[in-house]
Amino acid sequence: MAGLLGRFSADAEHGIHRSLRDRGMEIMGGVISRGGAQGGSPGGAAPSQARRGGPLIVTEDVELLDDLLRLCAAAGARPEVHHGGPERGEGWDAAPLVLVGDDAAHRVRGAKRRHGVVLVGRDQDDSGVWRRAVEIGADHVLVLPDGEQWLVDRIADVTEGVGRPALTVGVIGGRGGAGASTLSCALAVTAARAGRRTMLVDADPLGGGLDVLLGGETAEGLRWPAFAASQGRVSGEALEESLPELHALRVLSWVVHA
């Protein structure tokens, strides 16, 4: 703890701990964690495992840290927090994304240049933020609260990672009864049986429901109406796990009303 927060002012340190406690978090080994799990990972996993995919936050501004922690939580990420430039080879190089508070820009001027650095500020009228961004080699300058949604998406992208591009096959029927639903299900089931990770998406709200065609209209899981009124981002993994699993594939379908 002393290595992480030892140079904070007393007020800043108290404020940061209070901000973390309000979210059920604490700092262990330089990593934000929930519920006291070592390194922020379930079951006491090693801190190095918890740091993978999490952004690095560099700031001494308590209010800014509170906002950044909130945005990380919205993106499903567990960040690492430093009060200034991390030790060489620690955090700064390994983090997939570095969020530098405008208040801490002078602390990281001598840090190794890298991609994925975002300078985050609050004052939209401060033109000097662009000069400070150049000095630290930032890729982006972000002003809160206007840039919150962009930042949530960016944090989620680096946290989830990017897998191989998925092959997407669209099936459109020339008219009702042409067999588009049957062909779609046949293609999806064939792909799943071949061992491919497969999702079948029903894009016709007026159709009979692809889950019905697969015999899974009563299967547990969410349908389109559950997402229609939702806001914000849903990770690909969370979406997949929330859908009905039929014939070794996931199905996103409409609800058929009698």
Protein backbone atom coordinates (compact mmCIF):
# COMPACT_ATOMS: atom_id res chain seq x y z
CA MET A 1 0.00 0.00 0.00
CA ALA A 2 2.81 2.40 0.84
CA GLY A 3 4.40 1.77 -2.55
CA LEU A 4 1.17 2.74 -4.29
CA LEU A 5 -0.17 5.57 -2.18
CA GLY A 6 2.87 6.66 -0.20
CA ARG A 7 3.25 9.97 -2.06
CA PHE A 8 -0.38 10.99 -2.01
CA SER A 9 -1.36 13.89 0.15
CA ALA A 10 -3.28 12.76 3.23
CA ASP A 11 -6.53 14.25 1.92
CA ALA A 12 -6.12 12.63 -1.50
CA GLU A 13 -5.31 9.23 -0.01
CA HIS A 14 -8.33 9.38 2.30
CA GLY A 15 -10.57 10.45 -0.58
CA ILE A 16 -9.36 7.67 -2.86
CA HIS A 17 -9.93 4.99 -0.24
CA ARG A 18 -13.40 6.39 0.45
CA SER A 19 -14.19 6.36 -3.28
CA LEU A 20 -13.14 2.72 -3.52
CA ARG A 21 -15.02 1.65 -0.40
CA ASP A 22 -18.21 3.24 -1.73
CA ARG A 23 -17.98 0.74 -4.61
CA GLY A 24 -17.08 -2.23 -2.43
CA MET A 25 -13.47 -2.10 -3.64
CA GLU A 26 -10.03 -1.93 -2.11
CA ILE A 27 -6.43 -1.75 -3.29
CA MET A 28 -4.30 -4.87 -2.89
CA GLY A 29 -0.88 -5.00 -4.45
CA GLY A 30 -1.67 -2.04 -6.65
CA VAL A 31 -4.77 -3.64 -8.15
CA ILE A 32 -8.36 -2.64 -7.54
CA SER A 33 -10.32 -5.60 -6.17
CA ARG A 34 -13.80 -6.39 -4.93
CA GLY A 35 -14.69 -8.25 -1.79
CA GLY A 36 -11.09 -8.57 -0.65
CA ALA A 37 -10.08 -11.15 -3.25
CA GLN A 38 -6.33 -11.00 -3.70
CA GLY A 39 -5.41 -9.11 -6.84
CA GLY A 40 -9.03 -8.51 -7.73
CA SER A 41 -9.73 -11.95 -9.11
CA PRO A 42 -12.15 -14.59 -7.86
CA GLY A 43 -10.77 -17.27 -5.59
CA GLY A 44 -7.55 -15.43 -4.80
CA ALA A 45 -5.93 -15.67 -8.22
CA ALA A 46 -2.51 -14.11 -8.65
CA PRO A 47 -2.40 -10.34 -9.14
CA SER A 48 -0.67 -10.77 -12.51
CA GLN A 49 -3.74 -12.62 -13.78
CA ALA A 50 -6.12 -9.90 -12.56
CA ARG A 51 -4.08 -7.16 -14.25
CA ARG A 52 -4.55 -8.68 -17.68
CA GLY A 53 -7.02 -6.63 -19.65
CA GLY A 54 -7.49 -3.96 -16.99
CA PRO A 55 -6.64 -0.32 -17.70
CA LEU A 56 -4.04 1.61 -15.75
CA ILE A 57 -5.28 4.83 -14.10
CA VAL A 58 -2.79 7.55 -13.21
CA THR A 59 -4.28 10.44 -11.22
CA GLU A 60 -4.31 12.10 -7.83
CA ASP A 61 -7.61 13.88 -8.50
CA VAL A 62 -10.13 12.14 -6.24
CA GLU A 63 -13.20 13.25 -8.17
CA LEU A 64 -11.67 12.24 -11.49
CA LEU A 65 -10.66 8.86 -10.07
CA ASP A 66 -14.22 8.37 -8.85
CA ASP A 67 -15.53 8.98 -12.37
CA LEU A 68 -12.95 6.70 -13.97
CA LEU A 69 -13.69 3.89 -11.53
CA ARG A 70 -17.38 4.27 -12.31
CA LEU A 71 -16.71 4.03 -16.04
CA CYS A 72 -14.45 1.00 -15.57
CA ALA A 73 -17.20 -0.69 -13.59
CA ALA A 74 -19.67 0.06 -16.38
CA ALA A 75 -17.28 -1.59 -18.84
CA GLY A 76 -16.74 -4.61 -16.59
CA ALA A 77 -13.05 -3.81 -16.05
CA ARG A 78 -10.89 -3.92 -12.93
CA PRO A 79 -8.27 -1.17 -13.18
CA GLU A 80 -4.87 -0.69 -11.64
CA VAL A 81 -4.32 2.69 -9.97
CA HIS A 82 -1.08 4.64 -9.59
CA HIS A 83 -0.53 8.10 -8.18
CA GLY A 84 2.26 8.86 -10.64
CA GLY A 85 4.38 7.21 -13.30
CA PRO A 86 4.70 3.50 -12.44
CA GLU A 87 8.07 1.89 -11.96
CA ARG A 88 9.84 1.00 -15.17
CA GLY A 89 8.39 -2.15 -16.71
CA GLU A 90 5.51 -2.20 -14.22
CA GLY A 91 1.95 -1.44 -15.25
CA TRP A 92 2.75 1.21 -17.83
CA ASP A 93 4.09 -1.23 -20.43
CA ALA A 94 1.73 -4.10 -19.64
CA ALA A 95 -1.62 -2.30 -19.42
CA PRO A 96 -3.73 -2.45 -22.60
CA LEU A 97 -4.94 1.10 -21.93
CA VAL A 98 -3.54 3.94 -19.81
CA LEU A 99 -5.82 6.71 -18.51
CA VAL A 100 -3.79 9.71 -17.35
CA GLY A 101 -5.57 12.42 -15.41
CA ASP A 102 -4.74 15.92 -16.57
CA ASP A 103 -3.49 16.61 -13.06
CA ALA A 104 -0.86 13.85 -13.40
CA ALA A 105 0.42 14.62 -16.91
CA HIS A 106 3.64 16.16 -15.57
CA ARG A 107 4.34 12.96 -13.64
CA VAL A 108 4.50 10.74 -16.73
CA ARG A 109 6.43 13.00 -19.10
CA GLY A 110 9.51 10.82 -18.80
CA ALA A 111 7.64 7.54 -19.21
CA LYS A 112 8.33 5.30 -22.18
CA ARG A 113 6.24 6.23 -25.22
CA ARG A 114 3.55 3.70 -26.06
CA HIS A 115 0.20 3.37 -27.79
CA GLY A 116 -3.08 3.40 -25.90
CA VAL A 117 -2.56 6.47 -23.70
CA VAL A 118 -5.58 8.72 -23.09
CA LEU A 119 -5.29 12.08 -21.33
CA VAL A 120 -8.48 12.71 -19.37
CA GLY A 121 -9.55 16.15 -18.15
CA ARG A 122 -12.59 18.14 -17.12
CA ASP A 123 -12.02 21.70 -18.35
CA GLN A 124 -13.29 22.07 -21.91
CA ASP A 125 -11.87 25.60 -22.13
CA ASP A 126 -8.30 24.56 -21.26
CA SER A 127 -6.40 24.66 -24.55
CA GLY A 128 -3.20 23.65 -22.75
CA VAL A 129 -4.45 20.09 -22.48
CA TRP A 130 -3.40 19.49 -26.10
CA ARG A 131 0.16 20.57 -25.36
CA ARG A 132 0.29 18.24 -22.36
CA ALA A 133 -1.08 15.41 -24.49
CA VAL A 134 1.76 15.87 -26.97
CA GLU A 135 4.29 15.94 -24.14
CA ILE A 136 3.23 12.51 -22.86
CA GLY A 137 2.53 10.99 -26.26
CA ALA A 138 -1.21 10.52 -25.72
CA ASP A 139 -3.28 9.03 -28.55
CA HIS A 140 -6.45 10.80 -27.44
CA VAL A 141 -7.61 13.72 -25.33
CA LEU A 142 -10.89 13.17 -23.52
CA VAL A 143 -12.99 15.67 -21.60
CA LEU A 144 -15.57 14.41 -19.12
CA PRO A 145 -18.49 14.10 -18.95
CA ASP A 146 -18.95 14.48 -22.73
CA GLY A 147 -16.61 11.62 -23.60
CA GLU A 148 -17.93 9.07 -21.10
CA GLN A 149 -19.62 6.74 -23.58
CA TRP A 150 -16.57 6.68 -25.86
CA LEU A 151 -14.35 5.83 -22.92
CA VAL A 152 -16.65 3.05 -21.67
CA ASP A 153 -16.59 1.50 -25.14
CA ARG A 154 -12.80 1.81 -25.35
CA ILE A 155 -12.27 0.25 -21.91
CA ALA A 156 -14.66 -2.60 -22.77
CA ASP A 157 -12.85 -3.22 -26.07
CA VAL A 158 -9.44 -3.64 -24.44
CA THR A 159 -10.88 -5.62 -21.51
CA GLU A 160 -12.80 -8.11 -23.66
CA GLY A 161 -10.06 -8.37 -26.24
CA VAL A 162 -10.55 -8.94 -29.94
CA GLY A 163 -10.94 -12.48 -31.20
CA ARG A 164 -10.86 -13.75 -34.73
CA PRO A 165 -13.40 -12.11 -37.05
CA ALA A 166 -16.61 -14.15 -37.15
CA LEU A 167 -18.08 -15.41 -40.39
CA THR A 168 -21.53 -13.86 -40.74
CA VAL A 169 -24.09 -15.46 -43.05
CA GLY A 170 -27.32 -13.60 -43.81
CA VAL A 171 -30.35 -15.49 -45.12
CA ILE A 172 -33.18 -13.44 -46.65
CA GLY A 173 -36.37 -14.94 -48.04
CA GLY A 174 -37.81 -13.50 -51.23
CA ARG A 175 -41.30 -13.98 -49.79
CA GLY A 176 -43.08 -15.67 -46.93
CA GLY A 177 -42.76 -19.44 -46.97
CA ALA A 178 -39.61 -19.44 -49.12
CA GLY A 179 -37.73 -21.42 -46.47
CA ALA A 180 -35.34 -18.75 -45.09
CA SER A 181 -35.99 -19.78 -41.48
CA THR A 182 -35.44 -23.46 -42.22
CA LEU A 183 -32.21 -22.78 -44.10
CA SER A 184 -30.95 -20.47 -41.33
CA CYS A 185 -31.52 -23.11 -38.68
CA ALA A 186 -29.96 -25.81 -40.84
CA LEU A 187 -26.81 -23.75 -41.40
CA ALA A 188 -26.51 -22.90 -37.71
CA VAL A 189 -27.02 -26.47 -36.48
CA THR A 190 -24.55 -27.79 -39.06
CA ALA A 191 -21.91 -25.27 -37.96
CA ALA A 192 -22.46 -26.09 -34.28
CA ARG A 193 -22.20 -29.83 -34.91
CA ALA A 194 -18.92 -29.19 -36.71
CA GLY A 195 -17.59 -27.73 -33.47
CA ARG A 196 -17.86 -24.07 -34.37
CA ARG A 197 -18.98 -21.47 -31.84
CA THR A 198 -22.33 -20.48 -33.34
CA MET A 199 -25.06 -17.94 -32.71
CA LEU A 200 -28.35 -17.87 -34.61
CA VAL A 201 -29.94 -14.41 -34.75
CA ASP A 202 -33.60 -13.99 -35.68
CA ALA A 203 -33.91 -10.63 -37.44
CA ASP A 204 -37.59 -10.95 -38.38
CA PRO A 205 -39.91 -9.64 -35.62
CA LEU A 206 -42.94 -10.76 -37.64
CA GLY A 207 -41.74 -14.32 -38.13
CA GLY A 208 -42.64 -17.42 -36.20
CA GLY A 209 -39.55 -17.36 -33.97
CA LEU A 210 -36.48 -19.42 -34.74
CA ASP A 211 -36.45 -20.89 -31.24
CA VAL A 212 -39.86 -22.43 -32.01
CA LEU A 213 -38.46 -24.00 -35.17
CA LEU A 214 -35.67 -25.53 -33.08
CA GLY A 215 -38.12 -26.77 -30.45
CA GLY A 216 -36.83 -24.43 -27.77
CA GLU A 217 -39.60 -21.88 -27.24
CA THR A 218 -39.68 -22.76 -23.51
CA ALA A 219 -35.90 -22.81 -23.07
CA GLU A 220 -34.51 -20.44 -20.46
CA GLY A 221 -32.76 -17.33 -21.71
CA LEU A 222 -33.39 -13.83 -22.98
CA ARG A 223 -35.14 -12.84 -26.21
CA TRP A 224 -35.10 -9.64 -28.26
CA PRO A 225 -37.71 -7.79 -26.13
CA ALA A 226 -35.38 -8.02 -23.12
CA PHE A 227 -32.78 -5.96 -25.00
CA ALA A 228 -35.10 -3.57 -26.83
CA ALA A 229 -35.39 -1.07 -23.98
CA SER A 230 -31.86 -1.54 -22.66
CA GLN A 231 -29.20 1.14 -22.77
CA GLY A 232 -25.43 0.99 -22.73
CA ARG A 233 -23.11 -1.75 -23.79
CA VAL A 234 -23.47 -5.50 -23.37
CA SER A 235 -20.28 -7.52 -23.74
CA GLY A 236 -20.24 -10.32 -26.26
CA GLU A 237 -19.58 -12.90 -23.56
CA ALA A 238 -22.45 -11.66 -21.38
CA LEU A 239 -24.81 -11.63 -24.36
CA GLU A 240 -23.90 -15.16 -25.34
CA GLU A 241 -24.34 -16.51 -21.82
CA SER A 242 -27.76 -14.87 -21.47
CA LEU A 243 -29.29 -16.53 -24.55
CA PRO A 244 -31.02 -19.92 -24.80
CA GLU A 245 -28.70 -22.78 -25.77
CA LEU A 246 -30.26 -25.16 -28.27
CA HIS A 247 -28.49 -27.93 -30.19
CA ALA A 248 -25.06 -26.66 -29.02
CA LEU A 249 -25.67 -23.13 -30.34
CA ARG A 250 -27.03 -19.88 -28.92
CA VAL A 251 -30.26 -18.38 -30.26
CA LEU A 252 -31.42 -14.76 -30.16
CA SER A 253 -35.06 -14.91 -31.13
CA TRP A 254 -38.32 -13.01 -30.86
CA VAL A 255 -41.13 -13.91 -28.51
CA VAL A 256 -44.10 -15.50 -30.23
CA HIS A 257 -47.39 -14.28 -28.77
CA ALA A 258 -50.42 -16.53 -29.03
